[in-house]
Amino acid sequence: ATGHADEPDAPAKAASSAAPEAAVDARIPTTET
């Protein structure tokens, strides 16, 4: 069922099933702010 992310999740089928984060996003700080 659906739920929230601050609880223990259960095993999904495979790590490769997730869509990867975009490799480049100009909005992400590249230096320590």
Full PDB file with SEQRES, HELIX, SHEET, SSBOND, CRYST1, ORIGX, SCALE, CONECT and MASTER records, all heavy atoms in Angstrom:
SEQRES   1 A   33  ALA THR GLY HIS ALA ASP GLU PRO ASP ALA PRO ALA LYS          
SEQRES   2 A   33  ALA ALA SER SER ALA ALA PRO GLU ALA ALA VAL ASP ALA          
SEQRES   3 A   33  ARG ILE PRO THR THR GLU THR                                  
HELIX    1 AA1 ALA A   15  SER A   17  5                                   3    
CRYST1    1.000    1.000    1.000  90.00  90.00  90.00 P 1           1          
ORIGX1      1.000000  0.000000  0.000000        0.00000                         
ORIGX2      0.000000  1.000000  0.000000        0.00000                         
ORIGX3      0.000000  0.000000  1.000000        0.00000                         
SCALE1      1.000000  0.000000  0.000000        0.00000                         
SCALE2      0.000000  1.000000  0.000000        0.00000                         
SCALE3      0.000000  0.000000  1.000000        0.00000                         
ATOM      1  N   ALA A   1       0.857  -1.181   0.000  1.00  0.00           N  
ATOM      2  CA  ALA A   1       0.000   0.000   0.000  1.00  0.00           C  
ATOM      3  C   ALA A   1       0.886   1.221   0.000  1.00  0.00           C  
ATOM      4  O   ALA A   1       2.081   1.130   0.154  1.00  0.00           O  
ATOM      5  CB  ALA A   1      -0.906  -0.004   1.238  1.00  0.00           C  
ATOM      6  N   THR A   2       0.285   2.379  -0.166  1.00  0.00           N  
ATOM      7  CA  THR A   2       1.088   3.596  -0.161  1.00  0.00           C  
ATOM      8  C   THR A   2       1.230   4.120   1.244  1.00  0.00           C  
ATOM      9  O   THR A   2       0.399   3.893   2.102  1.00  0.00           O  
ATOM     10  CB  THR A   2       0.435   4.677  -1.033  1.00  0.00           C  
ATOM     11  OG1 THR A   2      -0.889   4.902  -0.577  1.00  0.00           O  
ATOM     12  CG2 THR A   2       0.428   4.251  -2.478  1.00  0.00           C  
ATOM     13  N   GLY A   3       2.324   4.877   1.475  1.00  0.00           N  
ATOM     14  CA  GLY A   3       2.558   5.408   2.798  1.00  0.00           C  
ATOM     15  C   GLY A   3       3.577   6.509   2.741  1.00  0.00           C  
ATOM     16  O   GLY A   3       3.894   7.012   1.682  1.00  0.00           O  
ATOM     17  N   HIS A   4       4.166   6.863   3.889  1.00  0.00           N  
ATOM     18  CA  HIS A   4       5.095   7.988   3.907  1.00  0.00           C  
ATOM     19  C   HIS A   4       6.517   7.512   4.079  1.00  0.00           C  
ATOM     20  O   HIS A   4       6.781   6.361   4.349  1.00  0.00           O  
ATOM     21  CB  HIS A   4       4.693   8.967   5.002  1.00  0.00           C  
ATOM     22  CG  HIS A   4       5.375   8.782   6.294  1.00  0.00           C  
ATOM     23  ND1 HIS A   4       6.489   9.496   6.623  1.00  0.00           N  
ATOM     24  CD2 HIS A   4       5.103   7.998   7.363  1.00  0.00           C  
ATOM     25  CE1 HIS A   4       6.865   9.159   7.853  1.00  0.00           C  
ATOM     26  NE2 HIS A   4       6.052   8.256   8.307  1.00  0.00           N  
ATOM     27  N   ALA A   5       7.451   8.420   3.908  1.00  0.00           N  
ATOM     28  CA  ALA A   5       8.834   8.007   3.818  1.00  0.00           C  
ATOM     29  C   ALA A   5       9.548   7.977   5.147  1.00  0.00           C  
ATOM     30  O   ALA A   5      10.709   7.656   5.187  1.00  0.00           O  
ATOM     31  CB  ALA A   5       9.594   8.926   2.871  1.00  0.00           C  
ATOM     32  N   ASP A   6       8.903   8.301   6.235  1.00  0.00           N  
ATOM     33  CA  ASP A   6       9.585   8.153   7.505  1.00  0.00           C  
ATOM     34  C   ASP A   6       9.078   6.912   8.218  1.00  0.00           C  
ATOM     35  O   ASP A   6       8.679   6.939   9.372  1.00  0.00           O  
ATOM     36  CB  ASP A   6       9.398   9.378   8.397  1.00  0.00           C  
ATOM     37  CG  ASP A   6      10.188   9.182   9.669  1.00  0.00           C  
ATOM     38  OD1 ASP A   6      11.282   8.623   9.557  1.00  0.00           O  
ATOM     39  OD2 ASP A   6       9.705   9.558  10.736  1.00  0.00           O  
ATOM     40  N   GLU A   7       9.055   5.817   7.534  1.00  0.00           N  
ATOM     41  CA  GLU A   7       8.780   4.543   8.147  1.00  0.00           C  
ATOM     42  C   GLU A   7       9.638   3.522   7.465  1.00  0.00           C  
ATOM     43  O   GLU A   7      10.181   3.761   6.399  1.00  0.00           O  
ATOM     44  CB  GLU A   7       7.311   4.157   7.999  1.00  0.00           C  
ATOM     45  CG  GLU A   7       6.940   3.779   6.593  1.00  0.00           C  
ATOM     46  CD  GLU A   7       5.586   3.125   6.531  1.00  0.00           C  
ATOM     47  OE1 GLU A   7       5.487   1.957   6.868  1.00  0.00           O  
ATOM     48  OE2 GLU A   7       4.647   3.791   6.143  1.00  0.00           O  
ATOM     49  N   PRO A   8       9.814   2.358   8.062  1.00  0.00           N  
ATOM     50  CA  PRO A   8      10.625   1.356   7.398  1.00  0.00           C  
ATOM     51  C   PRO A   8       9.955   0.887   6.123  1.00  0.00           C  
ATOM     52  O   PRO A   8       8.824   0.440   6.118  1.00  0.00           O  
ATOM     53  CB  PRO A   8      10.699   0.219   8.430  1.00  0.00           C  
ATOM     54  CG  PRO A   8       9.489   0.400   9.263  1.00  0.00           C  
ATOM     55  CD  PRO A   8       9.263   1.886   9.325  1.00  0.00           C  
ATOM     56  N   ASP A   9      10.656   1.005   5.025  1.00  0.00           N  
ATOM     57  CA  ASP A   9      10.144   0.551   3.743  1.00  0.00           C  
ATOM     58  C   ASP A   9      10.402  -0.941   3.626  1.00  0.00           C  
ATOM     59  O   ASP A   9      11.126  -1.529   4.399  1.00  0.00           O  
ATOM     60  CB  ASP A   9      10.880   1.306   2.634  1.00  0.00           C  
ATOM     61  CG  ASP A   9      10.164   1.240   1.301  1.00  0.00           C  
ATOM     62  OD1 ASP A   9       9.157   0.530   1.210  1.00  0.00           O  
ATOM     63  OD2 ASP A   9      10.637   1.907   0.373  1.00  0.00           O  
ATOM     64  N   ALA A  10       9.800  -1.552   2.620  1.00  0.00           N  
ATOM     65  CA  ALA A  10      10.038  -2.952   2.363  1.00  0.00           C  
ATOM     66  C   ALA A  10      10.851  -3.106   1.094  1.00  0.00           C  
ATOM     67  O   ALA A  10      10.914  -2.207   0.263  1.00  0.00           O  
ATOM     68  CB  ALA A  10       8.710  -3.679   2.224  1.00  0.00           C  
ATOM     69  N   PRO A  11      11.496  -4.253   0.928  1.00  0.00           N  
ATOM     70  CA  PRO A  11      12.346  -4.445  -0.236  1.00  0.00           C  
ATOM     71  C   PRO A  11      11.601  -4.267  -1.553  1.00  0.00           C  
ATOM     72  O   PRO A  11      10.521  -4.801  -1.746  1.00  0.00           O  
ATOM     73  CB  PRO A  11      12.832  -5.883  -0.071  1.00  0.00           C  
ATOM     74  CG  PRO A  11      12.742  -6.136   1.388  1.00  0.00           C  
ATOM     75  CD  PRO A  11      11.547  -5.364   1.858  1.00  0.00           C  
ATOM     76  N   ALA A  12      12.185  -3.494  -2.435  1.00  0.00           N  
ATOM     77  CA  ALA A  12      11.661  -3.367  -3.784  1.00  0.00           C  
ATOM     78  C   ALA A  12      12.288  -4.451  -4.656  1.00  0.00           C  
ATOM     79  O   ALA A  12      13.150  -5.192  -4.211  1.00  0.00           O  
ATOM     80  CB  ALA A  12      11.983  -1.982  -4.340  1.00  0.00           C  
ATOM     81  N   LYS A  13      11.878  -4.544  -5.900  1.00  0.00           N  
ATOM     82  CA  LYS A  13      12.345  -5.642  -6.740  1.00  0.00           C  
ATOM     83  C   LYS A  13      13.819  -5.502  -7.105  1.00  0.00           C  
ATOM     84  O   LYS A  13      14.577  -6.451  -7.063  1.00  0.00           O  
ATOM     85  CB  LYS A  13      11.500  -5.710  -8.010  1.00  0.00           C  
ATOM     86  CG  LYS A  13      10.080  -6.198  -7.758  1.00  0.00           C  
ATOM     87  CD  LYS A  13       9.331  -6.336  -9.060  1.00  0.00           C  
ATOM     88  CE  LYS A  13       7.929  -6.872  -8.809  1.00  0.00           C  
ATOM     89  NZ  LYS A  13       7.157  -7.018 -10.066  1.00  0.00           N  
ATOM     90  N   ALA A  14      14.225  -4.310  -7.498  1.00  0.00           N  
ATOM     91  CA  ALA A  14      15.607  -4.153  -7.923  1.00  0.00           C  
ATOM     92  C   ALA A  14      15.981  -2.688  -7.896  1.00  0.00           C  
ATOM     93  O   ALA A  14      15.191  -1.822  -8.215  1.00  0.00           O  
ATOM     94  CB  ALA A  14      15.807  -4.688  -9.347  1.00  0.00           C  
ATOM     95  N   ALA A  15      17.249  -2.433  -7.535  1.00  0.00           N  
ATOM     96  CA  ALA A  15      17.695  -1.048  -7.451  1.00  0.00           C  
ATOM     97  C   ALA A  15      17.689  -0.376  -8.810  1.00  0.00           C  
ATOM     98  O   ALA A  15      17.526   0.831  -8.916  1.00  0.00           O  
ATOM     99  CB  ALA A  15      19.096  -0.996  -6.849  1.00  0.00           C  
ATOM    100  N   SER A  16      17.858  -1.162  -9.867  1.00  0.00           N  
ATOM    101  CA  SER A  16      17.943  -0.572 -11.189  1.00  0.00           C  
ATOM    102  C   SER A  16      16.603  -0.077 -11.705  1.00  0.00           C  
ATOM    103  O   SER A  16      16.539   0.581 -12.740  1.00  0.00           O  
ATOM    104  CB  SER A  16      18.499  -1.603 -12.176  1.00  0.00           C  
ATOM    105  OG  SER A  16      17.655  -2.732 -12.224  1.00  0.00           O  
ATOM    106  N   SER A  17      15.513  -0.352 -10.983  1.00  0.00           N  
ATOM    107  CA  SER A  17      14.198   0.041 -11.466  1.00  0.00           C  
ATOM    108  C   SER A  17      13.919   1.521 -11.288  1.00  0.00           C  
ATOM    109  O   SER A  17      12.996   2.056 -11.865  1.00  0.00           O  
ATOM    110  CB  SER A  17      13.111  -0.754 -10.739  1.00  0.00           C  
ATOM    111  OG  SER A  17      13.115  -0.437  -9.364  1.00  0.00           O  
ATOM    112  N   ALA A  18      14.725   2.203 -10.480  1.00  0.00           N  
ATOM    113  CA  ALA A  18      14.468   3.619 -10.230  1.00  0.00           C  
ATOM    114  C   ALA A  18      14.991   4.474 -11.366  1.00  0.00           C  
ATOM    115  O   ALA A  18      16.039   4.209 -11.945  1.00  0.00           O  
ATOM    116  CB  ALA A  18      15.124   4.048  -8.921  1.00  0.00           C  
ATOM    117  N   ALA A  19      14.284   5.554 -11.650  1.00  0.00           N  
ATOM    118  CA  ALA A  19      14.780   6.519 -12.620  1.00  0.00           C  
ATOM    119  C   ALA A  19      15.929   7.284 -12.002  1.00  0.00           C  
ATOM    120  O   ALA A  19      15.816   7.791 -10.892  1.00  0.00           O  
ATOM    121  CB  ALA A  19      13.666   7.477 -13.022  1.00  0.00           C  
ATOM    122  N   PRO A  20      17.099   7.372 -12.647  1.00  0.00           N  
ATOM    123  CA  PRO A  20      18.243   8.058 -12.046  1.00  0.00           C  
ATOM    124  C   PRO A  20      17.997   9.546 -11.945  1.00  0.00           C  
ATOM    125  O   PRO A  20      17.238  10.127 -12.713  1.00  0.00           O  
ATOM    126  CB  PRO A  20      19.384   7.752 -13.027  1.00  0.00           C  
ATOM    127  CG  PRO A  20      18.703   7.498 -14.335  1.00  0.00           C  
ATOM    128  CD  PRO A  20      17.394   6.841 -13.983  1.00  0.00           C  
ATOM    129  N   GLU A  21      18.700  10.162 -10.990  1.00  0.00           N  
ATOM    130  CA  GLU A  21      18.680  11.609 -10.887  1.00  0.00           C  
ATOM    131  C   GLU A  21      19.371  12.208 -12.119  1.00  0.00           C  
ATOM    132  O   GLU A  21      20.277  11.620 -12.705  1.00  0.00           O  
ATOM    133  CB  GLU A  21      19.449  12.046  -9.628  1.00  0.00           C  
ATOM    134  CG  GLU A  21      18.706  11.818  -8.342  1.00  0.00           C  
ATOM    135  CD  GLU A  21      17.776  12.964  -8.048  1.00  0.00           C  
ATOM    136  OE1 GLU A  21      18.174  14.127  -8.187  1.00  0.00           O  
ATOM    137  OE2 GLU A  21      16.646  12.689  -7.682  1.00  0.00           O  
ATOM    138  N   ALA A  22      18.932  13.372 -12.494  1.00  0.00           N  
ATOM    139  CA  ALA A  22      19.615  14.050 -13.588  1.00  0.00           C  
ATOM    140  C   ALA A  22      21.061  14.296 -13.213  1.00  0.00           C  
ATOM    141  O   ALA A  22      21.369  14.713 -12.102  1.00  0.00           O  
ATOM    142  CB  ALA A  22      18.918  15.372 -13.896  1.00  0.00           C  
ATOM    143  N   ALA A  23      21.977  13.986 -14.137  1.00  0.00           N  
ATOM    144  CA  ALA A  23      23.394  14.106 -13.836  1.00  0.00           C  
ATOM    145  C   ALA A  23      23.794  15.563 -13.657  1.00  0.00           C  
ATOM    146  O   ALA A  23      24.705  15.874 -12.913  1.00  0.00           O  
ATOM    147  CB  ALA A  23      24.217  13.454 -14.946  1.00  0.00           C  
ATOM    148  N   VAL A  24      23.136  16.463 -14.364  1.00  0.00           N  
ATOM    149  CA  VAL A  24      23.505  17.866 -14.296  1.00  0.00           C  
ATOM    150  C   VAL A  24      22.254  18.688 -14.032  1.00  0.00           C  
ATOM    151  O   VAL A  24      21.261  18.584 -14.743  1.00  0.00           O  
ATOM    152  CB  VAL A  24      24.169  18.335 -15.607  1.00  0.00           C  
ATOM    153  CG1 VAL A  24      24.492  19.814 -15.512  1.00  0.00           C  
ATOM    154  CG2 VAL A  24      25.425  17.530 -15.894  1.00  0.00           C  
ATOM    155  N   ASP A  25      22.281  19.497 -12.996  1.00  0.00           N  
ATOM    156  CA  ASP A  25      21.182  20.403 -12.687  1.00  0.00           C  
ATOM    157  C   ASP A  25      21.814  21.682 -12.169  1.00  0.00           C  
ATOM    158  O   ASP A  25      22.417  21.698 -11.096  1.00  0.00           O  
ATOM    159  CB  ASP A  25      20.253  19.784 -11.649  1.00  0.00           C  
ATOM    160  CG  ASP A  25      18.995  20.621 -11.419  1.00  0.00           C  
ATOM    161  OD1 ASP A  25      19.035  21.841 -11.659  1.00  0.00           O  
ATOM    162  OD2 ASP A  25      17.970  20.048 -10.990  1.00  0.00           O  
ATOM    163  N   ALA A  26      21.697  22.727 -12.944  1.00  0.00           N  
ATOM    164  CA  ALA A  26      22.371  23.981 -12.610  1.00  0.00           C  
ATOM    165  C   ALA A  26      21.898  24.573 -11.291  1.00  0.00           C  
ATOM    166  O   ALA A  26      22.557  25.437 -10.720  1.00  0.00           O  
ATOM    167  CB  ALA A  26      22.172  24.988 -13.743  1.00  0.00           C  
ATOM    168  N   ARG A  27      20.748  24.130 -10.799  1.00  0.00           N  
ATOM    169  CA  ARG A  27      20.224  24.672  -9.548  1.00  0.00           C  
ATOM    170  C   ARG A  27      20.902  24.079  -8.320  1.00  0.00           C  
ATOM    171  O   ARG A  27      20.788  24.608  -7.217  1.00  0.00           O  
ATOM    172  CB  ARG A  27      18.723  24.418  -9.465  1.00  0.00           C  
ATOM    173  CG  ARG A  27      17.901  25.056 -10.582  1.00  0.00           C  
ATOM    174  CD  ARG A  27      16.450  24.605 -10.509  1.00  0.00           C  
ATOM    175  NE  ARG A  27      16.334  23.150 -10.629  1.00  0.00           N  
ATOM    176  CZ  ARG A  27      15.220  22.466 -10.415  1.00  0.00           C  
ATOM    177  NH1 ARG A  27      14.120  23.098 -10.045  1.00  0.00           N  
ATOM    178  NH2 ARG A  27      15.200  21.153 -10.559  1.00  0.00           N  
ATOM    179  N   ILE A  28      21.601  22.949  -8.473  1.00  0.00           N  
ATOM    180  CA  ILE A  28      22.232  22.267  -7.337  1.00  0.00           C  
ATOM    181  C   ILE A  28      23.529  22.984  -6.977  1.00  0.00           C  
ATOM    182  O   ILE A  28      24.380  23.209  -7.848  1.00  0.00           O  
ATOM    183  CB  ILE A  28      22.523  20.798  -7.677  1.00  0.00           C  
ATOM    184  CG1 ILE A  28      21.232  20.075  -8.067  1.00  0.00           C  
ATOM    185  CG2 ILE A  28      23.191  20.101  -6.504  1.00  0.00           C  
ATOM    186  CD1 ILE A  28      21.453  18.663  -8.586  1.00  0.00           C  
ATOM    187  N   PRO A  29      23.718  23.354  -5.725  1.00  0.00           N  
ATOM    188  CA  PRO A  29      24.970  24.017  -5.328  1.00  0.00           C  
ATOM    189  C   PRO A  29      26.172  23.105  -5.553  1.00  0.00           C  
ATOM    190  O   PRO A  29      26.170  21.959  -5.104  1.00  0.00           O  
ATOM    191  CB  PRO A  29      24.772  24.303  -3.833  1.00  0.00           C  
ATOM    192  CG  PRO A  29      23.323  24.161  -3.583  1.00  0.00           C  
ATOM    193  CD  PRO A  29      22.799  23.195  -4.588  1.00  0.00           C  
ATOM    194  N   THR A  30      27.171  23.582  -6.256  1.00  0.00           N  
ATOM    195  CA  THR A  30      28.385  22.804  -6.493  1.00  0.00           C  
ATOM    196  C   THR A  30      29.500  23.195  -5.537  1.00  0.00           C  
ATOM    197  O   THR A  30      30.582  22.611  -5.572  1.00  0.00           O  
ATOM    198  CB  THR A  30      28.860  22.991  -7.942  1.00  0.00           C  
ATOM    199  OG1 THR A  30      29.052  24.388  -8.198  1.00  0.00           O  
ATOM    200  CG2 THR A  30      27.839  22.428  -8.922  1.00  0.00           C  
ATOM    201  N   THR A  31      29.242  24.203  -4.719  1.00  0.00           N  
ATOM    202  CA  THR A  31      30.179  24.574  -3.654  1.00  0.00           C  
ATOM    203  C   THR A  31      29.432  24.515  -2.327  1.00  0.00           C  
ATOM    204  O   THR A  31      28.199  24.486  -2.283  1.00  0.00           O  
ATOM    205  CB  THR A  31      30.725  25.997  -3.874  1.00  0.00           C  
ATOM    206  OG1 THR A  31      29.625  26.918  -3.911  1.00  0.00           O  
ATOM    207  CG2 THR A  31      31.512  26.083  -5.179  1.00  0.00           C  
ATOM    208  N   GLU A  32      30.165  24.487  -1.250  1.00  0.00           N  
ATOM    209  CA  GLU A  32      29.558  24.386   0.073  1.00  0.00           C  
ATOM    210  C   GLU A  32      28.997  25.739   0.493  1.00  0.00           C  
ATOM    211  O   GLU A  32      29.728  26.724   0.587  1.00  0.00           O  
ATOM    212  CB  GLU A  32      30.580  23.847   1.074  1.00  0.00           C  
ATOM    213  CG  GLU A  32      30.886  22.384   0.778  1.00  0.00           C  
ATOM    214  CD  GLU A  32      32.047  21.827   1.557  1.00  0.00           C  
ATOM    215  OE1 GLU A  32      32.985  22.597   1.850  1.00  0.00           O  
ATOM    216  OE2 GLU A  32      32.036  20.611   1.863  1.00  0.00           O  
ATOM    217  N   THR A  33      27.695  25.779   0.699  1.00  0.00           N  
ATOM    218  CA  THR A  33      27.006  27.029   1.010  1.00  0.00           C  
ATOM    219  C   THR A  33      26.701  27.114   2.493  1.00  0.00           C  
ATOM    220  O   THR A  33      26.507  26.100   3.166  1.00  0.00           O  
ATOM    221  CB  THR A  33      25.696  27.129   0.217  1.00  0.00           C  
ATOM    222  OG1 THR A  33      24.849  26.032   0.596  1.00  0.00           O  
ATOM    223  CG2 THR A  33      25.956  27.055  -1.277  1.00  0.00           C  
TER     224      THR A  33                                                      
MASTER        0    0    0    1    0    0    0    6  223    1    0    3          
END                                                                             
